[in-house]
Amino acid sequence: MEERTYDINKSITAQERYCLDNNLPQFAPSDGNCFSCKKNIYMKLEREERNRLSGEITGTRITGITLEMAGKELITGCPHCCRTYCD
């Protein structure tokens, strides 16, 4: 099972390093705070998912960018509100 670590400061550094090492532009906000929803993209958020017709709770959705993801993927948008940072 893949490790999932949520650490804002380490994730910011990991994304900066990933972009530098791979000569990529950094789209992620420098402080991690989404300009659209104001939530930190590196923070773990859990919320209930519901059936749109019945309103029944069907599960839990977890959003947020892990330290592991920040160190190996180019971040191009907010995992919470799905706003892109590339346009």
C-alpha atoms as a PDB file:
ATOM      1  CA  MET A   1       0.000   0.000   0.000  1.00  0.00           C
ATOM      2  CA  GLU A   2       1.345   3.431  -0.955  1.00  0.00           C
ATOM      3  CA  GLU A   3       2.275   5.724   1.907  1.00  0.00           C
ATOM      4  CA  ARG A   4       0.165   8.888   2.259  1.00  0.00           C
ATOM      5  CA  THR A   5       1.751  11.699   4.208  1.00  0.00           C
ATOM      6  CA  TYR A   6       0.077  15.084   4.482  1.00  0.00           C
ATOM      7  CA  ASP A   7       2.580  17.782   5.448  1.00  0.00           C
ATOM      8  CA  ILE A   8       2.084  21.282   4.048  1.00  0.00           C
ATOM      9  CA  ASN A   9       5.625  22.649   4.459  1.00  0.00           C
ATOM     10  CA  LYS A  10       7.403  19.510   3.261  1.00  0.00           C
ATOM     11  CA  SER A  11       5.014  19.223   0.301  1.00  0.00           C
ATOM     12  CA  ILE A  12       5.647  22.816  -0.772  1.00  0.00           C
ATOM     13  CA  THR A  13       9.387  22.126  -0.715  1.00  0.00           C
ATOM     14  CA  ALA A  14       8.951  18.801  -2.547  1.00  0.00           C
ATOM     15  CA  GLN A  15       6.945  20.444  -5.355  1.00  0.00           C
ATOM     16  CA  GLU A  16       9.500  23.252  -5.707  1.00  0.00           C
ATOM     17  CA  ARG A  17      12.309  20.686  -5.889  1.00  0.00           C
ATOM     18  CA  TYR A  18      10.409  18.518  -8.403  1.00  0.00           C
ATOM     19  CA  CYS A  19       9.861  21.511 -10.692  1.00  0.00           C
ATOM     20  CA  LEU A  20      13.500  22.635 -10.432  1.00  0.00           C
ATOM     21  CA  ASP A  21      14.905  19.148 -10.994  1.00  0.00           C
ATOM     22  CA  ASN A  22      12.689  18.570 -14.040  1.00  0.00           C
ATOM     23  CA  ASN A  23      12.905  22.102 -15.486  1.00  0.00           C
ATOM     24  CA  LEU A  24       9.129  22.564 -15.191  1.00  0.00           C
ATOM     25  CA  PRO A  25       7.064  25.654 -14.401  1.00  0.00           C
ATOM     26  CA  GLN A  26       5.575  25.759 -10.925  1.00  0.00           C
ATOM     27  CA  PHE A  27       1.807  26.170 -11.186  1.00  0.00           C
ATOM     28  CA  ALA A  28       1.032  25.347  -7.543  1.00  0.00           C
ATOM     29  CA  PRO A  29       0.608  28.357  -5.246  1.00  0.00           C
ATOM     30  CA  SER A  30       3.858  29.110  -3.384  1.00  0.00           C
ATOM     31  CA  ASP A  31       2.106  28.926   0.015  1.00  0.00           C
ATOM     32  CA  GLY A  32      -0.172  26.035  -0.985  1.00  0.00           C
ATOM     33  CA  ASN A  33      -3.371  28.070  -0.589  1.00  0.00           C
ATOM     34  CA  CYS A  34      -5.765  27.856  -3.533  1.00  0.00           C
ATOM     35  CA  PHE A  35      -6.724  31.307  -4.794  1.00  0.00           C
ATOM     36  CA  SER A  36     -10.172  30.015  -5.710  1.00  0.00           C
ATOM     37  CA  CYS A  37     -11.443  28.052  -2.674  1.00  0.00           C
ATOM     38  CA  LYS A  38      -8.841  29.352  -0.171  1.00  0.00           C
ATOM     39  CA  LYS A  39      -8.075  25.843   1.104  1.00  0.00           C
ATOM     40  CA  ASN A  40      -4.532  24.522   1.248  1.00  0.00           C
ATOM     41  CA  ILE A  41      -3.942  22.040  -1.572  1.00  0.00           C
ATOM     42  CA  TYR A  42      -1.592  19.971   0.607  1.00  0.00           C
ATOM     43  CA  MET A  43      -4.137  19.564   3.415  1.00  0.00           C
ATOM     44  CA  LYS A  44      -6.132  16.359   3.817  1.00  0.00           C
ATOM     45  CA  LEU A  45      -9.867  16.998   3.673  1.00  0.00           C
ATOM     46  CA  GLU A  46     -12.529  14.341   4.200  1.00  0.00           C
ATOM     47  CA  ARG A  47     -16.134  14.835   3.193  1.00  0.00           C
ATOM     48  CA  GLU A  48     -19.209  12.699   2.811  1.00  0.00           C
ATOM     49  CA  GLU A  49     -20.344  11.669  -0.629  1.00  0.00           C
ATOM     50  CA  ARG A  50     -24.063  11.446  -1.226  1.00  0.00           C
ATOM     51  CA  ASN A  51     -26.317   9.972  -3.861  1.00  0.00           C
ATOM     52  CA  ARG A  52     -27.656  12.980  -5.770  1.00  0.00           C
ATOM     53  CA  LEU A  53     -31.126  11.511  -6.126  1.00  0.00           C
ATOM     54  CA  SER A  54     -31.746   9.960  -2.726  1.00  0.00           C
ATOM     55  CA  GLY A  55     -29.397  12.035  -0.583  1.00  0.00           C
ATOM     56  CA  GLU A  56     -28.108   8.797   0.954  1.00  0.00           C
ATOM     57  CA  ILE A  57     -24.495   8.866   2.169  1.00  0.00           C
ATOM     58  CA  THR A  58     -22.515   6.556  -0.087  1.00  0.00           C
ATOM     59  CA  GLY A  59     -19.018   6.993   1.289  1.00  0.00           C
ATOM     60  CA  THR A  60     -16.222   9.343   2.185  1.00  0.00           C
ATOM     61  CA  ARG A  61     -14.049  11.264  -0.265  1.00  0.00           C
ATOM     62  CA  ILE A  62     -10.527  12.344   0.679  1.00  0.00           C
ATOM     63  CA  THR A  63      -8.879  15.182  -1.212  1.00  0.00           C
ATOM     64  CA  GLY A  64      -5.478  16.816  -0.854  1.00  0.00           C
ATOM     65  CA  ILE A  65      -2.019  16.403  -2.319  1.00  0.00           C
ATOM     66  CA  THR A  66       0.285  14.107  -0.392  1.00  0.00           C
ATOM     67  CA  LEU A  67       3.988  14.659   0.158  1.00  0.00           C
ATOM     68  CA  GLU A  68       4.643  11.667  -2.078  1.00  0.00           C
ATOM     69  CA  MET A  69       2.596  13.144  -4.947  1.00  0.00           C
ATOM     70  CA  ALA A  70       4.177  16.588  -4.537  1.00  0.00           C
ATOM     71  CA  GLY A  71       7.615  15.029  -4.954  1.00  0.00           C
ATOM     72  CA  LYS A  72       6.871  13.138  -8.176  1.00  0.00           C
ATOM     73  CA  GLU A  73       4.066  14.901 -10.090  1.00  0.00           C
ATOM     74  CA  LEU A  74       3.536  18.362 -11.545  1.00  0.00           C
ATOM     75  CA  ILE A  75       0.656  19.986  -9.678  1.00  0.00           C
ATOM     76  CA  THR A  76      -1.625  21.852 -12.070  1.00  0.00           C
ATOM     77  CA  GLY A  77      -4.782  22.415 -10.041  1.00  0.00           C
ATOM     78  CA  CYS A  78      -6.612  22.284  -6.743  1.00  0.00           C
ATOM     79  CA  PRO A  79      -7.655  18.821  -5.539  1.00  0.00           C
ATOM     80  CA  HIS A  80     -10.467  20.324  -3.462  1.00  0.00           C
ATOM     81  CA  CYS A  81     -12.319  22.628  -5.895  1.00  0.00           C
ATOM     82  CA  CYS A  82     -10.769  21.339  -9.167  1.00  0.00           C
ATOM     83  CA  ARG A  83      -9.664  24.836 -10.245  1.00  0.00           C
ATOM     84  CA  THR A  84      -6.846  24.690 -12.777  1.00  0.00           C
ATOM     85  CA  TYR A  85      -3.731  26.807 -12.331  1.00  0.00           C
ATOM     86  CA  CYS A  86      -2.665  26.471 -15.976  1.00  0.00           C
ATOM     87  CA  ASP A  87      -5.036  28.787 -17.825  1.00  0.00           C
END
